[in-house]
Amino acid sequence: MKFWDTSAIVPLCVQEPHSDTVQAILIEEPAMVVWWGTRTEYLSALMRQVREGGLTPPDERAARHVLQTLMQTWTEMQPSEALRNTAERLLTVHSLRTADALQLAAAIQWCQGFTTGQGFVAFDRQLREASYREGFTLLPETF
């Protein structure tokens, strides 16, 4: 099981340069863990692509369908006081935006703080750096 940031889920659903990479990671280990806000972050990213002309309405519908399929199988880390406290700690030690701190806090909550050897799939550079410093194994290793 690996923790998936929204930045890695978007290329699973929309053809992007990293799509083949994340598809291979998912095939190798299909169990996904995500943050409670992933669906909302995903919709934001998807609609940004629509507004900017990168996705047609049929592409958007297809991407929403893929997300619905993924949602049926993933494990979602729910909000909690402990998660919020962890996110606030992360904001004091890493250069993260709020949503990224919540993502990383959810990953830490998922593995109960035992991050060593746990996979973290992301393309956001700041989030990757913070998750690496917290002890996660980054996937893909490079991009």
Protein backbone atom coordinates (compact mmCIF):
# COMPACT_ATOMS: atom_id res chain seq x y z
CA MET A 1 0.00 0.00 0.00
CA LYS A 2 1.26 3.47 -0.89
CA PHE A 3 0.10 6.99 -0.08
CA TRP A 4 -0.93 8.96 -3.18
CA ASP A 5 -0.85 12.74 -3.45
CA THR A 6 -3.35 14.37 -5.79
CA SER A 7 -0.47 15.41 -8.06
CA ALA A 8 0.02 11.71 -8.84
CA ILE A 9 -3.67 10.86 -9.18
CA VAL A 10 -4.37 13.45 -11.88
CA PRO A 11 -2.06 11.72 -14.41
CA LEU A 12 -3.84 8.44 -13.69
CA CYS A 13 -7.05 10.00 -14.96
CA VAL A 14 -5.85 12.49 -17.59
CA GLN A 15 -3.16 11.80 -20.18
CA GLU A 16 -0.08 13.71 -19.03
CA PRO A 17 3.70 13.20 -19.34
CA HIS A 18 3.79 11.19 -16.07
CA SER A 19 0.78 8.98 -16.86
CA ASP A 20 2.80 5.89 -17.83
CA THR A 21 4.93 6.22 -14.70
CA VAL A 22 2.00 6.38 -12.26
CA GLN A 23 0.12 3.63 -14.08
CA ALA A 24 3.15 1.35 -13.63
CA ILE A 25 3.30 2.21 -9.92
CA LEU A 26 -0.41 1.45 -9.54
CA ILE A 27 -0.13 -1.84 -11.41
CA GLU A 28 2.76 -2.89 -9.15
CA GLU A 29 0.74 -2.06 -6.00
CA PRO A 30 -2.95 -1.29 -6.58
CA ALA A 31 -3.78 -0.46 -2.94
CA MET A 32 -4.00 3.33 -2.57
CA VAL A 33 -4.24 5.56 0.50
CA VAL A 34 -5.29 9.18 0.05
CA TRP A 35 -6.20 12.24 2.09
CA TRP A 36 -9.85 13.08 2.72
CA GLY A 37 -9.55 16.22 0.54
CA THR A 38 -8.08 14.44 -2.47
CA ARG A 39 -11.34 14.30 -4.40
CA THR A 40 -11.82 18.06 -4.01
CA GLU A 41 -8.21 18.84 -4.93
CA TYR A 42 -8.56 16.58 -7.95
CA LEU A 43 -11.72 18.39 -9.10
CA SER A 44 -9.92 21.72 -8.75
CA ALA A 45 -7.04 20.50 -10.93
CA LEU A 46 -9.41 18.98 -13.48
CA MET A 47 -11.55 22.11 -13.80
CA ARG A 48 -8.44 24.29 -14.11
CA GLN A 49 -7.45 22.20 -17.14
CA VAL A 50 -10.96 22.59 -18.59
CA ARG A 51 -10.95 26.38 -18.08
CA GLU A 52 -7.48 26.67 -19.64
CA GLY A 53 -8.57 24.65 -22.68
CA GLY A 54 -6.41 21.60 -21.94
CA LEU A 55 -9.39 19.24 -21.60
CA THR A 56 -12.48 18.88 -23.75
CA PRO A 57 -15.87 18.13 -22.12
CA PRO A 58 -15.64 14.44 -23.18
CA ASP A 59 -12.13 14.23 -21.69
CA GLU A 60 -13.42 15.77 -18.47
CA ARG A 61 -16.26 13.24 -18.24
CA ALA A 62 -13.84 10.38 -18.87
CA ALA A 63 -11.46 11.70 -16.17
CA ARG A 64 -14.32 11.94 -13.67
CA HIS A 65 -15.27 8.35 -14.47
CA VAL A 66 -11.72 7.12 -13.86
CA LEU A 67 -11.68 8.97 -10.53
CA GLN A 68 -14.99 7.37 -9.51
CA THR A 69 -13.47 3.96 -10.24
CA LEU A 70 -10.37 4.74 -8.16
CA MET A 71 -12.50 6.05 -5.28
CA GLN A 72 -14.23 2.69 -4.98
CA THR A 73 -10.94 1.02 -4.07
CA TRP A 74 -8.84 3.55 -2.20
CA THR A 75 -8.53 4.04 1.55
CA GLU A 76 -9.29 7.59 2.61
CA MET A 77 -7.68 9.15 5.70
CA GLN A 78 -10.36 11.17 7.48
CA PRO A 79 -9.85 14.54 9.18
CA SER A 80 -9.10 14.46 12.90
CA GLU A 81 -7.62 16.61 15.62
CA ALA A 82 -4.45 14.51 15.52
CA LEU A 83 -4.14 15.02 11.77
CA ARG A 84 -4.62 18.79 12.15
CA ASN A 85 -1.98 18.91 14.90
CA THR A 86 0.46 16.99 12.73
CA ALA A 87 -0.21 19.30 9.77
CA GLU A 88 0.43 22.33 11.98
CA ARG A 89 3.74 20.82 13.12
CA LEU A 90 4.68 20.15 9.51
CA LEU A 91 4.00 23.79 8.61
CA THR A 92 6.54 24.89 11.20
CA VAL A 93 9.35 22.66 9.91
CA HIS A 94 8.77 22.42 6.14
CA SER A 95 8.01 24.90 3.37
CA LEU A 96 4.51 23.60 2.60
CA ARG A 97 1.13 24.99 1.64
CA THR A 98 -1.77 24.11 3.91
CA ALA A 99 -3.24 21.39 1.67
CA ASP A 100 0.18 19.78 1.25
CA ALA A 101 0.71 19.78 5.02
CA LEU A 102 -2.67 18.08 5.41
CA GLN A 103 -1.72 15.53 2.72
CA LEU A 104 1.55 14.71 4.46
CA ALA A 105 -0.12 14.60 7.88
CA ALA A 106 -2.65 12.10 6.48
CA ALA A 107 0.22 9.95 5.21
CA ILE A 108 1.90 10.07 8.61
CA GLN A 109 -1.39 9.17 10.29
CA TRP A 110 -1.91 6.26 7.88
CA CYS A 111 1.42 4.64 8.79
CA GLN A 112 1.07 5.61 12.46
CA GLY A 113 4.29 7.62 12.27
CA PHE A 114 6.41 4.70 11.04
CA THR A 115 7.34 6.30 7.72
CA THR A 116 10.50 4.34 6.90
CA GLY A 117 9.88 2.12 3.90
CA GLN A 118 6.41 3.54 3.23
CA GLY A 119 5.81 4.69 -0.35
CA PHE A 120 4.70 8.25 -1.05
CA VAL A 121 3.64 8.90 -4.65
CA ALA A 122 3.78 12.57 -5.65
CA PHE A 123 5.07 15.04 -8.23
CA ASP A 124 4.85 18.24 -6.17
CA ARG A 125 8.48 19.13 -5.44
CA GLN A 126 7.97 20.78 -2.05
CA LEU A 127 5.74 17.97 -0.85
CA ARG A 128 8.21 15.37 -2.09
CA GLU A 129 11.05 17.09 -0.22
CA ALA A 130 9.04 17.28 3.02
CA SER A 131 7.84 13.68 2.76
CA TYR A 132 11.42 12.52 2.14
CA ARG A 133 12.61 14.48 5.19
CA GLU A 134 9.83 12.82 7.20
CA GLY A 135 11.21 9.41 6.19
CA PHE A 136 8.98 8.26 3.32
CA THR A 137 10.25 6.49 0.20
CA LEU A 138 9.52 8.72 -2.79
CA LEU A 139 7.83 7.37 -5.89
CA PRO A 140 8.70 7.72 -8.59
CA GLU A 141 12.31 7.87 -7.48
CA THR A 142 12.98 10.61 -10.05
CA PHE A 143 10.87 12.49 -12.53
